[in-house]
Amino acid sequence: MSHTATAPFITVLSDPTPACTYGLSRTPAKLTNSTPTRSMGLGPVLPLTSFENVLYFLFSVLLATVIVFLNASVFSSILLCRSLRAENRCMYMLSTCLSDVCSGVAYYYCGALDVRDSYDSPTRTFYIAPTFLGLSYMAILAAQADRYHAVTSPLRYALRMSRGRTLAVIAAYWLYAFVIVAVNNLVTVGIAKSVTSIGTFVGNIFTVIIMIGLNVRLFFIATYQLEREPPTAERESKRASIYLIVVVAVCFLIAWLPIFLHIIVCNFTGTTCYSFRNEGTDPLRLLPRLNAVLTPVLYIRGCAALKHTLLTRVWRASCCRAKGVNPVERSIAPSGQVTSVCKN
């Protein structure tokens, strides 16, 4: 049994000679990763010998395209908006979108082609592609901790979490992730497996517990504590930011819990876990990619300024310039109050 890394802190157990292979059609032996001919070239995620396989291949390409398009659009919107760039929460959005853009680009290779990104696979990405998924996870966890600190201790948060410190936190987990990548590529496969197996398993449990705990705590704060404050624009902004990160984290957990449970079952039972033909046909790995589509949609839906900037300065930039329209001056929040939005 071998370990397949899906993030710097997430290790999935898989069998290099799977007991059961999943796919939309039977796979000829010559197309499997275990044969010498496999290293001579890359084929599509499934042999294009049937209509459903062609549809699945097109779905994989479309999924990668949508991930890149949506996350790049949100990333550009935040960069173009000065008021959004001034908010710490938007820095975490930038980090999430950047990692998801890279994950979407990698999915053209890992998802659309017949690739197994395991330790000893000739088609592996040397842990780089799965690291971007891990960075999205770390960004959302850090954003949750940031919102929790901002709501429970607003004065201390204002004094401690400056713009520079927020960027330092983001830089720290990006650096940590790629240090782990470097270590895994410099040591032997056996050492890499022993270093990541226990540590990542324990880390997964603790991060899920922390994320669930923060979600529950933030929900109760948004439900009870904010109701005691007078109805102001600041309260509505705080409520919106809390609800947004809670919903994003809940969706993230829904997408990642299956792979976490898979890890737990494989570690505790010691049995051979079922392997899939490749990354693209593994539903446990497909769910996080679907979440990379949902996350920017939630960002757009939950932030009026971001949505307005996206529509007027990113997707309709050429139209706005032709008409001489000032892209964004103000926006109406869902509550009906006027909120500050993007200005140049």
C-alpha atoms as a PDB file:
ATOM      1  CA  MET A   1       0.000   0.000   0.000  1.00  0.00           C
ATOM      2  CA  SER A   2       1.375   3.406  -0.939  1.00  0.00           C
ATOM      3  CA  HIS A   3       0.579   6.947   0.087  1.00  0.00           C
ATOM      4  CA  THR A   4      -0.722   9.499  -2.373  1.00  0.00           C
ATOM      5  CA  ALA A   5      -0.281  13.104  -1.293  1.00  0.00           C
ATOM      6  CA  THR A   6      -3.177  15.426  -2.015  1.00  0.00           C
ATOM      7  CA  ALA A   7      -1.856  18.429  -0.077  1.00  0.00           C
ATOM      8  CA  PRO A   8       1.083  19.261   2.200  1.00  0.00           C
ATOM      9  CA  PHE A   9      -0.907  18.006   5.171  1.00  0.00           C
ATOM     10  CA  ILE A  10      -3.262  15.487   3.538  1.00  0.00           C
ATOM     11  CA  THR A  11      -2.238  11.955   2.682  1.00  0.00           C
ATOM     12  CA  VAL A  12      -4.534   9.480   0.972  1.00  0.00           C
ATOM     13  CA  LEU A  13      -3.727   5.813   1.028  1.00  0.00           C
ATOM     14  CA  SER A  14      -4.012   3.936  -2.221  1.00  0.00           C
ATOM     15  CA  ASP A  15      -2.905   0.649  -3.629  1.00  0.00           C
ATOM     16  CA  PRO A  16      -0.507   0.799  -6.608  1.00  0.00           C
ATOM     17  CA  THR A  17      -2.237  -2.315  -7.935  1.00  0.00           C
ATOM     18  CA  PRO A  18      -5.872  -1.450  -7.309  1.00  0.00           C
ATOM     19  CA  ALA A  19      -8.293  -4.185  -6.366  1.00  0.00           C
ATOM     20  CA  CYS A  20     -11.068  -2.420  -8.184  1.00  0.00           C
ATOM     21  CA  THR A  21     -10.823   0.101 -10.993  1.00  0.00           C
ATOM     22  CA  TYR A  22     -13.544   2.654 -11.561  1.00  0.00           C
ATOM     23  CA  GLY A  23     -14.396   4.420 -14.793  1.00  0.00           C
ATOM     24  CA  LEU A  24     -17.060   4.957 -17.370  1.00  0.00           C
ATOM     25  CA  SER A  25     -15.774   2.151 -19.526  1.00  0.00           C
ATOM     26  CA  ARG A  26     -13.296  -0.671 -19.417  1.00  0.00           C
ATOM     27  CA  THR A  27      -9.677   0.402 -19.807  1.00  0.00           C
ATOM     28  CA  PRO A  28      -7.362  -1.490 -22.134  1.00  0.00           C
ATOM     29  CA  ALA A  29      -4.308  -2.857 -20.363  1.00  0.00           C
ATOM     30  CA  LYS A  30      -1.953  -0.892 -22.593  1.00  0.00           C
ATOM     31  CA  LEU A  31      -3.339   2.400 -21.255  1.00  0.00           C
ATOM     32  CA  THR A  32      -2.710   1.759 -17.568  1.00  0.00           C
ATOM     33  CA  ASN A  33      -0.018   3.592 -15.608  1.00  0.00           C
ATOM     34  CA  SER A  34       1.744   0.380 -14.580  1.00  0.00           C
ATOM     35  CA  THR A  35       2.909  -0.564 -18.082  1.00  0.00           C
ATOM     36  CA  PRO A  36       6.115   0.718 -19.700  1.00  0.00           C
ATOM     37  CA  THR A  37       4.156   2.135 -22.617  1.00  0.00           C
ATOM     38  CA  ARG A  38       2.376   4.435 -20.169  1.00  0.00           C
ATOM     39  CA  SER A  39       5.446   6.650 -19.860  1.00  0.00           C
ATOM     40  CA  MET A  40       5.727   7.074 -23.625  1.00  0.00           C
ATOM     41  CA  GLY A  41       2.793   9.475 -23.815  1.00  0.00           C
ATOM     42  CA  LEU A  42      -0.306  10.751 -22.083  1.00  0.00           C
ATOM     43  CA  GLY A  43      -3.805   9.896 -23.191  1.00  0.00           C
ATOM     44  CA  PRO A  44      -7.143  11.385 -22.179  1.00  0.00           C
ATOM     45  CA  VAL A  45      -8.646  10.687 -18.773  1.00  0.00           C
ATOM     46  CA  LEU A  46     -10.641   7.836 -20.338  1.00  0.00           C
ATOM     47  CA  PRO A  47     -10.158   6.235 -23.769  1.00  0.00           C
ATOM     48  CA  LEU A  48     -12.255   8.161 -26.280  1.00  0.00           C
ATOM     49  CA  THR A  49     -13.922   5.001 -27.498  1.00  0.00           C
ATOM     50  CA  SER A  50     -17.473   5.820 -26.432  1.00  0.00           C
ATOM     51  CA  PHE A  51     -19.761   8.817 -26.350  1.00  0.00           C
ATOM     52  CA  GLU A  52     -19.902   8.949 -22.536  1.00  0.00           C
ATOM     53  CA  ASN A  53     -16.102   8.910 -22.315  1.00  0.00           C
ATOM     54  CA  VAL A  54     -15.899  11.840 -24.708  1.00  0.00           C
ATOM     55  CA  LEU A  55     -18.444  13.719 -22.606  1.00  0.00           C
ATOM     56  CA  TYR A  56     -16.446  13.025 -19.456  1.00  0.00           C
ATOM     57  CA  PHE A  57     -13.266  14.274 -21.099  1.00  0.00           C
ATOM     58  CA  LEU A  58     -15.043  17.471 -22.172  1.00  0.00           C
ATOM     59  CA  PHE A  59     -16.435  17.841 -18.654  1.00  0.00           C
ATOM     60  CA  SER A  60     -12.912  17.661 -17.200  1.00  0.00           C
ATOM     61  CA  VAL A  61     -11.653  20.324 -19.602  1.00  0.00           C
ATOM     62  CA  LEU A  62     -14.700  22.501 -18.922  1.00  0.00           C
ATOM     63  CA  LEU A  63     -14.275  22.135 -15.157  1.00  0.00           C
ATOM     64  CA  ALA A  64     -10.646  23.248 -15.336  1.00  0.00           C
ATOM     65  CA  THR A  65     -11.643  26.206 -17.525  1.00  0.00           C
ATOM     66  CA  VAL A  66     -14.433  27.331 -15.185  1.00  0.00           C
ATOM     67  CA  ILE A  67     -12.127  27.081 -12.148  1.00  0.00           C
ATOM     68  CA  VAL A  68      -9.519  29.273 -13.819  1.00  0.00           C
ATOM     69  CA  PHE A  69     -12.041  31.758 -15.224  1.00  0.00           C
ATOM     70  CA  LEU A  70     -14.044  32.376 -12.046  1.00  0.00           C
ATOM     71  CA  ASN A  71     -11.097  32.543  -9.680  1.00  0.00           C
ATOM     72  CA  ALA A  72      -9.064  34.734 -12.027  1.00  0.00           C
ATOM     73  CA  SER A  73     -12.062  37.073 -12.334  1.00  0.00           C
ATOM     74  CA  VAL A  74     -12.448  37.423  -8.560  1.00  0.00           C
ATOM     75  CA  PHE A  75      -8.685  37.807  -8.160  1.00  0.00           C
ATOM     76  CA  SER A  76      -8.621  40.612 -10.731  1.00  0.00           C
ATOM     77  CA  SER A  77     -11.636  42.323  -9.173  1.00  0.00           C
ATOM     78  CA  ILE A  78      -9.986  42.539  -5.762  1.00  0.00           C
ATOM     79  CA  LEU A  79      -6.743  43.826  -7.250  1.00  0.00           C
ATOM     80  CA  LEU A  80      -8.614  46.544  -9.150  1.00  0.00           C
ATOM     81  CA  CYS A  81     -10.612  47.697  -6.123  1.00  0.00           C
ATOM     82  CA  ARG A  82      -8.783  49.808  -3.552  1.00  0.00           C
ATOM     83  CA  SER A  83     -11.453  49.499  -0.872  1.00  0.00           C
ATOM     84  CA  LEU A  84     -11.425  45.704  -1.176  1.00  0.00           C
ATOM     85  CA  ARG A  85      -7.639  45.576  -1.034  1.00  0.00           C
ATOM     86  CA  ALA A  86      -7.809  47.465   2.262  1.00  0.00           C
ATOM     87  CA  GLU A  87      -9.778  44.642   3.943  1.00  0.00           C
ATOM     88  CA  ASN A  88      -7.887  41.784   5.564  1.00  0.00           C
ATOM     89  CA  ARG A  89     -10.573  39.254   4.623  1.00  0.00           C
ATOM     90  CA  CYS A  90     -10.081  40.104   0.956  1.00  0.00           C
ATOM     91  CA  MET A  91      -6.388  39.265   1.258  1.00  0.00           C
ATOM     92  CA  TYR A  92      -7.423  35.741   2.183  1.00  0.00           C
ATOM     93  CA  MET A  93      -9.814  35.751  -0.776  1.00  0.00           C
ATOM     94  CA  LEU A  94      -6.884  36.696  -2.998  1.00  0.00           C
ATOM     95  CA  SER A  95      -4.853  33.825  -1.600  1.00  0.00           C
ATOM     96  CA  THR A  96      -7.685  31.343  -2.099  1.00  0.00           C
ATOM     97  CA  CYS A  97      -8.346  32.495  -5.661  1.00  0.00           C
ATOM     98  CA  LEU A  98      -4.663  32.395  -6.595  1.00  0.00           C
ATOM     99  CA  SER A  99      -4.237  28.839  -5.323  1.00  0.00           C
ATOM    100  CA  ASP A 100      -7.457  27.762  -7.040  1.00  0.00           C
ATOM    101  CA  VAL A 101      -6.350  29.319 -10.340  1.00  0.00           C
ATOM    102  CA  CYS A 102      -3.156  27.264 -10.126  1.00  0.00           C
ATOM    103  CA  SER A 103      -5.209  24.203  -9.172  1.00  0.00           C
ATOM    104  CA  GLY A 104      -7.461  24.746 -12.191  1.00  0.00           C
ATOM    105  CA  VAL A 105      -4.476  25.039 -14.532  1.00  0.00           C
ATOM    106  CA  ALA A 106      -3.051  21.845 -13.040  1.00  0.00           C
ATOM    107  CA  TYR A 107      -6.379  20.077 -13.582  1.00  0.00           C
ATOM    108  CA  TYR A 108      -5.906  20.347 -17.342  1.00  0.00           C
ATOM    109  CA  TYR A 109      -3.108  17.847 -16.733  1.00  0.00           C
ATOM    110  CA  CYS A 110      -4.256  15.885 -13.673  1.00  0.00           C
ATOM    111  CA  GLY A 111      -7.953  15.744 -14.491  1.00  0.00           C
ATOM    112  CA  ALA A 112      -8.220  15.761 -18.254  1.00  0.00           C
ATOM    113  CA  LEU A 113      -5.364  13.305 -18.835  1.00  0.00           C
ATOM    114  CA  ASP A 114      -4.700   9.772 -17.618  1.00  0.00           C
ATOM    115  CA  VAL A 115      -2.554  10.783 -14.636  1.00  0.00           C
ATOM    116  CA  ARG A 116      -1.958   9.320 -11.182  1.00  0.00           C
ATOM    117  CA  ASP A 117      -0.287  11.851  -8.917  1.00  0.00           C
ATOM    118  CA  SER A 118       1.217   9.368  -6.443  1.00  0.00           C
ATOM    119  CA  TYR A 119       4.709   9.058  -4.983  1.00  0.00           C
ATOM    120  CA  ASP A 120       6.085   6.558  -7.476  1.00  0.00           C
ATOM    121  CA  SER A 121       3.952   7.382 -10.507  1.00  0.00           C
ATOM    122  CA  PRO A 122       5.783   8.374 -13.714  1.00  0.00           C
ATOM    123  CA  THR A 123       3.060  10.971 -14.342  1.00  0.00           C
ATOM    124  CA  ARG A 124       3.261  12.664 -10.916  1.00  0.00           C
ATOM    125  CA  THR A 125       3.545  16.444 -10.556  1.00  0.00           C
ATOM    126  CA  PHE A 126       6.128  16.154  -7.753  1.00  0.00           C
ATOM    127  CA  TYR A 127       3.451  17.180  -5.190  1.00  0.00           C
ATOM    128  CA  ILE A 128       3.026  20.632  -6.746  1.00  0.00           C
ATOM    129  CA  ALA A 129      -0.521  20.235  -8.102  1.00  0.00           C
ATOM    130  CA  PRO A 130      -2.026  18.826  -4.875  1.00  0.00           C
ATOM    131  CA  THR A 131      -0.239  21.506  -2.870  1.00  0.00           C
ATOM    132  CA  PHE A 132      -2.459  24.180  -4.414  1.00  0.00           C
ATOM    133  CA  LEU A 133      -5.521  22.365  -3.047  1.00  0.00           C
ATOM    134  CA  GLY A 134      -3.876  22.343   0.356  1.00  0.00           C
ATOM    135  CA  LEU A 135      -3.184  26.065   0.132  1.00  0.00           C
ATOM    136  CA  SER A 136      -6.888  26.742  -0.452  1.00  0.00           C
ATOM    137  CA  TYR A 137      -7.675  24.739   2.655  1.00  0.00           C
ATOM    138  CA  MET A 138      -5.120  26.660   4.715  1.00  0.00           C
ATOM    139  CA  ALA A 139      -6.381  30.012   3.415  1.00  0.00           C
ATOM    140  CA  ILE A 140      -9.976  29.293   4.445  1.00  0.00           C
ATOM    141  CA  LEU A 141      -8.859  28.044   7.854  1.00  0.00           C
ATOM    142  CA  ALA A 142      -6.760  31.191   8.373  1.00  0.00           C
ATOM    143  CA  ALA A 143      -9.659  33.383   7.203  1.00  0.00           C
ATOM    144  CA  GLN A 144     -11.937  31.728   9.743  1.00  0.00           C
ATOM    145  CA  ALA A 145      -9.471  32.396  12.545  1.00  0.00           C
ATOM    146  CA  ASP A 146      -9.123  35.985  11.344  1.00  0.00           C
ATOM    147  CA  ARG A 147     -12.908  36.600  11.398  1.00  0.00           C
ATOM    148  CA  TYR A 148     -13.230  34.929  14.787  1.00  0.00           C
ATOM    149  CA  HIS A 149     -10.553  37.200  16.235  1.00  0.00           C
ATOM    150  CA  ALA A 150     -12.096  40.281  14.601  1.00  0.00           C
ATOM    151  CA  VAL A 151     -15.555  39.595  16.056  1.00  0.00           C
ATOM    152  CA  THR A 152     -14.682  38.357  19.533  1.00  0.00           C
ATOM    153  CA  SER A 153     -11.891  40.891  20.210  1.00  0.00           C
ATOM    154  CA  PRO A 154     -12.366  43.835  17.838  1.00  0.00           C
ATOM    155  CA  LEU A 155     -10.051  46.218  19.713  1.00  0.00           C
ATOM    156  CA  ARG A 156      -7.220  43.723  19.991  1.00  0.00           C
ATOM    157  CA  TYR A 157      -7.734  42.715  16.389  1.00  0.00           C
ATOM    158  CA  ALA A 158      -7.425  46.316  15.209  1.00  0.00           C
ATOM    159  CA  LEU A 159      -4.164  46.678  17.130  1.00  0.00           C
ATOM    160  CA  ARG A 160      -2.631  43.321  16.236  1.00  0.00           C
ATOM    161  CA  MET A 161      -3.744  42.377  12.736  1.00  0.00           C
ATOM    162  CA  SER A 162      -2.378  45.123  10.562  1.00  0.00           C
ATOM    163  CA  ARG A 163      -2.222  44.789   6.792  1.00  0.00           C
ATOM    164  CA  GLY A 164       1.428  43.773   7.009  1.00  0.00           C
ATOM    165  CA  ARG A 165       0.791  41.037   9.566  1.00  0.00           C
ATOM    166  CA  THR A 166      -2.064  39.652   7.529  1.00  0.00           C
ATOM    167  CA  LEU A 167       0.173  39.429   4.480  1.00  0.00           C
ATOM    168  CA  ALA A 168       2.867  37.841   6.664  1.00  0.00           C
ATOM    169  CA  VAL A 169       0.423  35.103   7.737  1.00  0.00           C
ATOM    170  CA  ILE A 170      -0.472  34.418   4.113  1.00  0.00           C
ATOM    171  CA  ALA A 171       3.178  34.365   3.054  1.00  0.00           C
ATOM    172  CA  ALA A 172       3.993  32.030   5.962  1.00  0.00           C
ATOM    173  CA  TYR A 173       1.605  29.249   4.943  1.00  0.00           C
ATOM    174  CA  TRP A 174       2.558  29.574   1.267  1.00  0.00           C
ATOM    175  CA  LEU A 175       6.212  29.227   2.269  1.00  0.00           C
ATOM    176  CA  TYR A 176       5.421  26.307   4.573  1.00  0.00           C
ATOM    177  CA  ALA A 177       3.553  24.466   1.825  1.00  0.00           C
ATOM    178  CA  PHE A 178       6.382  24.673  -0.671  1.00  0.00           C
ATOM    179  CA  VAL A 179       9.031  23.845   1.924  1.00  0.00           C
ATOM    180  CA  ILE A 180       7.120  20.585   2.428  1.00  0.00           C
ATOM    181  CA  VAL A 181       7.092  20.114  -1.353  1.00  0.00           C
ATOM    182  CA  ALA A 182      10.861  20.664  -1.499  1.00  0.00           C
ATOM    183  CA  VAL A 183      11.490  18.224   1.348  1.00  0.00           C
ATOM    184  CA  ASN A 184       9.337  15.539  -0.275  1.00  0.00           C
ATOM    185  CA  ASN A 185      11.245  15.908  -3.541  1.00  0.00           C
ATOM    186  CA  LEU A 186      14.703  15.879  -1.957  1.00  0.00           C
ATOM    187  CA  VAL A 187      14.349  12.781   0.196  1.00  0.00           C
ATOM    188  CA  THR A 188      13.678   9.214  -0.847  1.00  0.00           C
ATOM    189  CA  VAL A 189      10.146   7.908  -1.336  1.00  0.00           C
ATOM    190  CA  GLY A 190      10.324   5.815   1.827  1.00  0.00           C
ATOM    191  CA  ILE A 191      11.340   8.761   3.994  1.00  0.00           C
ATOM    192  CA  ALA A 192       8.702  10.997   2.401  1.00  0.00           C
ATOM    193  CA  LYS A 193       6.008   8.439   3.198  1.00  0.00           C
ATOM    194  CA  SER A 194       7.087   8.073   6.816  1.00  0.00           C
ATOM    195  CA  VAL A 195       7.342  11.840   7.332  1.00  0.00           C
ATOM    196  CA  THR A 196       3.917  12.643   5.907  1.00  0.00           C
ATOM    197  CA  SER A 197       1.783   9.645   6.893  1.00  0.00           C
ATOM    198  CA  ILE A 198       1.298  10.093  10.657  1.00  0.00           C
ATOM    199  CA  GLY A 199       1.787  13.860  10.757  1.00  0.00           C
ATOM    200  CA  THR A 200      -0.718  14.581   8.025  1.00  0.00           C
ATOM    201  CA  PHE A 201      -3.265  12.161   9.454  1.00  0.00           C
ATOM    202  CA  VAL A 202      -3.157  13.852  12.875  1.00  0.00           C
ATOM    203  CA  GLY A 203      -3.107  17.284  11.225  1.00  0.00           C
ATOM    204  CA  ASN A 204      -6.247  16.489   9.248  1.00  0.00           C
ATOM    205  CA  ILE A 205      -8.180  15.567  12.384  1.00  0.00           C
ATOM    206  CA  PHE A 206      -7.145  18.705  14.251  1.00  0.00           C
ATOM    207  CA  THR A 207      -7.804  21.082  11.366  1.00  0.00           C
ATOM    208  CA  VAL A 208     -11.283  19.650  10.780  1.00  0.00           C
ATOM    209  CA  ILE A 209     -12.106  19.911  14.493  1.00  0.00           C
ATOM    210  CA  ILE A 210     -10.846  23.497  14.587  1.00  0.00           C
ATOM    211  CA  MET A 211     -12.789  24.445  11.465  1.00  0.00           C
ATOM    212  CA  ILE A 212     -16.026  22.912  12.737  1.00  0.00           C
ATOM    213  CA  GLY A 213     -15.554  24.542  16.147  1.00  0.00           C
ATOM    214  CA  LEU A 214     -14.930  27.966  14.651  1.00  0.00           C
ATOM    215  CA  ASN A 215     -17.937  27.565  12.365  1.00  0.00           C
ATOM    216  CA  VAL A 216     -20.247  26.805  15.269  1.00  0.00           C
ATOM    217  CA  ARG A 217     -18.824  29.656  17.343  1.00  0.00           C
ATOM    218  CA  LEU A 218     -19.073  32.192  14.527  1.00  0.00           C
ATOM    219  CA  PHE A 219     -22.637  31.149  13.781  1.00  0.00           C
ATOM    220  CA  PHE A 220     -23.733  31.782  17.360  1.00  0.00           C
ATOM    221  CA  ILE A 221     -21.930  35.128  17.372  1.00  0.00           C
ATOM    222  CA  ALA A 222     -23.680  36.174  14.173  1.00  0.00           C
ATOM    223  CA  THR A 223     -27.042  34.977  15.482  1.00  0.00           C
ATOM    224  CA  TYR A 224     -27.015  36.398  19.010  1.00  0.00           C
ATOM    225  CA  GLN A 225     -24.232  38.861  19.714  1.00  0.00           C
ATOM    226  CA  LEU A 226     -24.705  41.046  16.647  1.00  0.00           C
ATOM    227  CA  GLU A 227     -28.433  41.319  17.320  1.00  0.00           C
ATOM    228  CA  ARG A 228     -27.628  43.315  20.454  1.00  0.00           C
ATOM    229  CA  GLU A 229     -25.783  45.998  18.506  1.00  0.00           C
ATOM    230  CA  PRO A 230     -27.661  48.961  17.011  1.00  0.00           C
ATOM    231  CA  PRO A 231     -28.467  48.636  13.288  1.00  0.00           C
ATOM    232  CA  THR A 232     -25.509  50.302  11.609  1.00  0.00           C
ATOM    233  CA  ALA A 233     -23.623  49.807   8.374  1.00  0.00           C
ATOM    234  CA  GLU A 234     -20.680  48.461  10.376  1.00  0.00           C
ATOM    235  CA  ARG A 235     -22.856  45.790  11.983  1.00  0.00           C
ATOM    236  CA  GLU A 236     -24.259  44.707   8.616  1.00  0.00           C
ATOM    237  CA  SER A 237     -20.769  44.543   7.153  1.00  0.00           C
ATOM    238  CA  LYS A 238     -19.565  42.450  10.092  1.00  0.00           C
ATOM    239  CA  ARG A 239     -22.573  40.147   9.830  1.00  0.00           C
ATOM    240  CA  ALA A 240     -22.067  39.682   6.077  1.00  0.00           C
ATOM    241  CA  SER A 241     -18.376  38.848   6.487  1.00  0.00           C
ATOM    242  CA  ILE A 242     -19.157  36.274   9.196  1.00  0.00           C
ATOM    243  CA  TYR A 243     -21.942  34.597   7.229  1.00  0.00           C
ATOM    244  CA  LEU A 244     -19.777  34.517   4.101  1.00  0.00           C
ATOM    245  CA  ILE A 245     -16.819  32.779   5.728  1.00  0.00           C
ATOM    246  CA  VAL A 246     -19.130  30.353   7.570  1.00  0.00           C
ATOM    247  CA  VAL A 247     -20.908  29.340   4.361  1.00  0.00           C
ATOM    248  CA  VAL A 248     -17.609  29.023   2.482  1.00  0.00           C
ATOM    249  CA  ALA A 249     -16.144  26.873   5.261  1.00  0.00           C
ATOM    250  CA  VAL A 250     -19.244  24.654   5.433  1.00  0.00           C
ATOM    251  CA  CYS A 251     -19.120  24.025   1.682  1.00  0.00           C
ATOM    252  CA  PHE A 252     -15.402  23.373   1.974  1.00  0.00           C
ATOM    253  CA  LEU A 253     -15.965  20.768   4.682  1.00  0.00           C
ATOM    254  CA  ILE A 254     -18.673  19.059   2.637  1.00  0.00           C
ATOM    255  CA  ALA A 255     -16.250  18.762  -0.274  1.00  0.00           C
ATOM    256  CA  TRP A 256     -13.300  17.574   1.820  1.00  0.00           C
ATOM    257  CA  LEU A 257     -14.890  15.366   4.484  1.00  0.00           C
ATOM    258  CA  PRO A 258     -15.203  12.334   2.139  1.00  0.00           C
ATOM    259  CA  ILE A 259     -11.462  12.294   1.505  1.00  0.00           C
ATOM    260  CA  PHE A 260     -10.774  12.825   5.222  1.00  0.00           C
ATOM    261  CA  LEU A 261     -13.010   9.889   6.117  1.00  0.00           C
ATOM    262  CA  HIS A 262     -11.259   7.828   3.462  1.00  0.00           C
ATOM    263  CA  ILE A 263      -7.938   8.569   5.144  1.00  0.00           C
ATOM    264  CA  ILE A 264      -9.279   7.625   8.578  1.00  0.00           C
ATOM    265  CA  VAL A 265     -10.767   4.344   7.363  1.00  0.00           C
ATOM    266  CA  CYS A 266      -7.590   3.371   5.522  1.00  0.00           C
ATOM    267  CA  ASN A 267      -5.372   4.164   8.516  1.00  0.00           C
ATOM    268  CA  PHE A 268      -7.445   2.441  11.175  1.00  0.00           C
ATOM    269  CA  THR A 269      -8.590  -0.645   9.285  1.00  0.00           C
ATOM    270  CA  GLY A 270      -5.286  -1.362   7.584  1.00  0.00           C
ATOM    271  CA  THR A 271      -7.134  -2.773   4.606  1.00  0.00           C
ATOM    272  CA  THR A 272      -6.504  -2.106   0.940  1.00  0.00           C
ATOM    273  CA  CYS A 273      -8.536   0.909  -0.058  1.00  0.00           C
ATOM    274  CA  TYR A 274     -10.107   1.010  -3.483  1.00  0.00           C
ATOM    275  CA  SER A 275      -8.107   2.920  -6.066  1.00  0.00           C
ATOM    276  CA  PHE A 276      -9.426   4.678  -9.107  1.00  0.00           C
ATOM    277  CA  ARG A 277      -8.046   4.635 -12.605  1.00  0.00           C
ATOM    278  CA  ASN A 278      -6.598   8.138 -12.344  1.00  0.00           C
ATOM    279  CA  GLU A 279      -7.114  11.547 -10.745  1.00  0.00           C
ATOM    280  CA  GLY A 280      -9.895  12.536 -13.118  1.00  0.00           C
ATOM    281  CA  THR A 281     -12.124   9.538 -12.359  1.00  0.00           C
ATOM    282  CA  ASP A 282     -11.669   9.662  -8.574  1.00  0.00           C
ATOM    283  CA  PRO A 283     -14.756  11.337  -7.027  1.00  0.00           C
ATOM    284  CA  LEU A 284     -12.844  11.980  -3.791  1.00  0.00           C
ATOM    285  CA  ARG A 285     -10.499  14.222  -5.743  1.00  0.00           C
ATOM    286  CA  LEU A 286     -13.216  15.656  -7.962  1.00  0.00           C
ATOM    287  CA  LEU A 287     -15.169  17.166  -5.039  1.00  0.00           C
ATOM    288  CA  PRO A 288     -12.411  19.631  -4.013  1.00  0.00           C
ATOM    289  CA  ARG A 289     -12.225  20.807  -7.622  1.00  0.00           C
ATOM    290  CA  LEU A 290     -15.971  21.392  -7.669  1.00  0.00           C
ATOM    291  CA  ASN A 291     -15.529  23.374  -4.472  1.00  0.00           C
ATOM    292  CA  ALA A 292     -12.969  25.546  -6.283  1.00  0.00           C
ATOM    293  CA  VAL A 293     -15.854  26.563  -8.580  1.00  0.00           C
ATOM    294  CA  LEU A 294     -18.306  27.148  -5.745  1.00  0.00           C
ATOM    295  CA  THR A 295     -16.001  29.266  -3.550  1.00  0.00           C
ATOM    296  CA  PRO A 296     -15.621  32.252  -5.936  1.00  0.00           C
ATOM    297  CA  VAL A 297     -19.367  32.118  -6.626  1.00  0.00           C
ATOM    298  CA  LEU A 298     -19.991  32.461  -2.880  1.00  0.00           C
ATOM    299  CA  TYR A 299     -17.516  35.335  -2.697  1.00  0.00           C
ATOM    300  CA  ILE A 300     -19.349  37.137  -5.492  1.00  0.00           C
ATOM    301  CA  ARG A 301     -22.748  36.433  -3.975  1.00  0.00           C
ATOM    302  CA  GLY A 302     -21.755  37.509  -0.474  1.00  0.00           C
ATOM    303  CA  CYS A 303     -19.854  40.734  -1.226  1.00  0.00           C
ATOM    304  CA  ALA A 304     -21.762  43.527  -2.977  1.00  0.00           C
ATOM    305  CA  ALA A 305     -18.644  45.558  -3.747  1.00  0.00           C
ATOM    306  CA  LEU A 306     -16.880  42.568  -5.243  1.00  0.00           C
ATOM    307  CA  LYS A 307     -19.887  41.674  -7.375  1.00  0.00           C
ATOM    308  CA  HIS A 308     -20.256  45.232  -8.680  1.00  0.00           C
ATOM    309  CA  THR A 309     -16.549  45.507  -9.461  1.00  0.00           C
ATOM    310  CA  LEU A 310     -16.592  42.171 -11.246  1.00  0.00           C
ATOM    311  CA  LEU A 311     -19.544  43.113 -13.437  1.00  0.00           C
ATOM    312  CA  THR A 312     -18.447  46.641 -14.281  1.00  0.00           C
ATOM    313  CA  ARG A 313     -14.652  46.545 -14.338  1.00  0.00           C
ATOM    314  CA  VAL A 314     -13.714  42.985 -15.241  1.00  0.00           C
ATOM    315  CA  TRP A 315     -16.437  41.323 -17.294  1.00  0.00           C
ATOM    316  CA  ARG A 316     -17.718  44.555 -18.861  1.00  0.00           C
ATOM    317  CA  ALA A 317     -14.559  46.620 -18.789  1.00  0.00           C
ATOM    318  CA  SER A 318     -14.423  47.294 -22.512  1.00  0.00           C
ATOM    319  CA  CYS A 319     -18.110  48.255 -22.608  1.00  0.00           C
ATOM    320  CA  CYS A 320     -17.731  50.629 -19.656  1.00  0.00           C
ATOM    321  CA  ARG A 321     -14.674  52.311 -21.165  1.00  0.00           C
ATOM    322  CA  ALA A 322     -16.461  52.793 -24.489  1.00  0.00           C
ATOM    323  CA  LYS A 323     -19.399  54.515 -22.789  1.00  0.00           C
ATOM    324  CA  GLY A 324     -17.233  56.527 -20.413  1.00  0.00           C
ATOM    325  CA  VAL A 325     -19.010  55.160 -17.353  1.00  0.00           C
ATOM    326  CA  ASN A 326     -17.399  55.406 -13.934  1.00  0.00           C
ATOM    327  CA  PRO A 327     -17.360  51.689 -13.012  1.00  0.00           C
ATOM    328  CA  VAL A 328     -18.353  51.772  -9.349  1.00  0.00           C
ATOM    329  CA  GLU A 329     -19.349  54.579  -7.047  1.00  0.00           C
ATOM    330  CA  ARG A 330     -21.742  52.890  -4.672  1.00  0.00           C
ATOM    331  CA  SER A 331     -23.684  49.691  -4.253  1.00  0.00           C
ATOM    332  CA  ILE A 332     -26.805  48.602  -2.431  1.00  0.00           C
ATOM    333  CA  ALA A 333     -26.354  45.808   0.098  1.00  0.00           C
ATOM    334  CA  PRO A 334     -28.987  43.052   0.392  1.00  0.00           C
ATOM    335  CA  SER A 335     -30.295  44.777   3.538  1.00  0.00           C
ATOM    336  CA  GLY A 336     -31.113  47.898   1.552  1.00  0.00           C
ATOM    337  CA  GLN A 337     -28.378  50.057   3.063  1.00  0.00           C
ATOM    338  CA  VAL A 338     -25.782  51.885   1.018  1.00  0.00           C
ATOM    339  CA  THR A 339     -22.341  50.502   1.642  1.00  0.00           C
ATOM    340  CA  SER A 340     -18.922  51.699   0.629  1.00  0.00           C
ATOM    341  CA  VAL A 341     -17.601  49.993  -2.450  1.00  0.00           C
ATOM    342  CA  CYS A 342     -14.731  50.124  -4.841  1.00  0.00           C
ATOM    343  CA  LYS A 343     -13.051  53.309  -5.969  1.00  0.00           C
ATOM    344  CA  ASN A 344      -9.900  53.727  -8.005  1.00  0.00           C
END
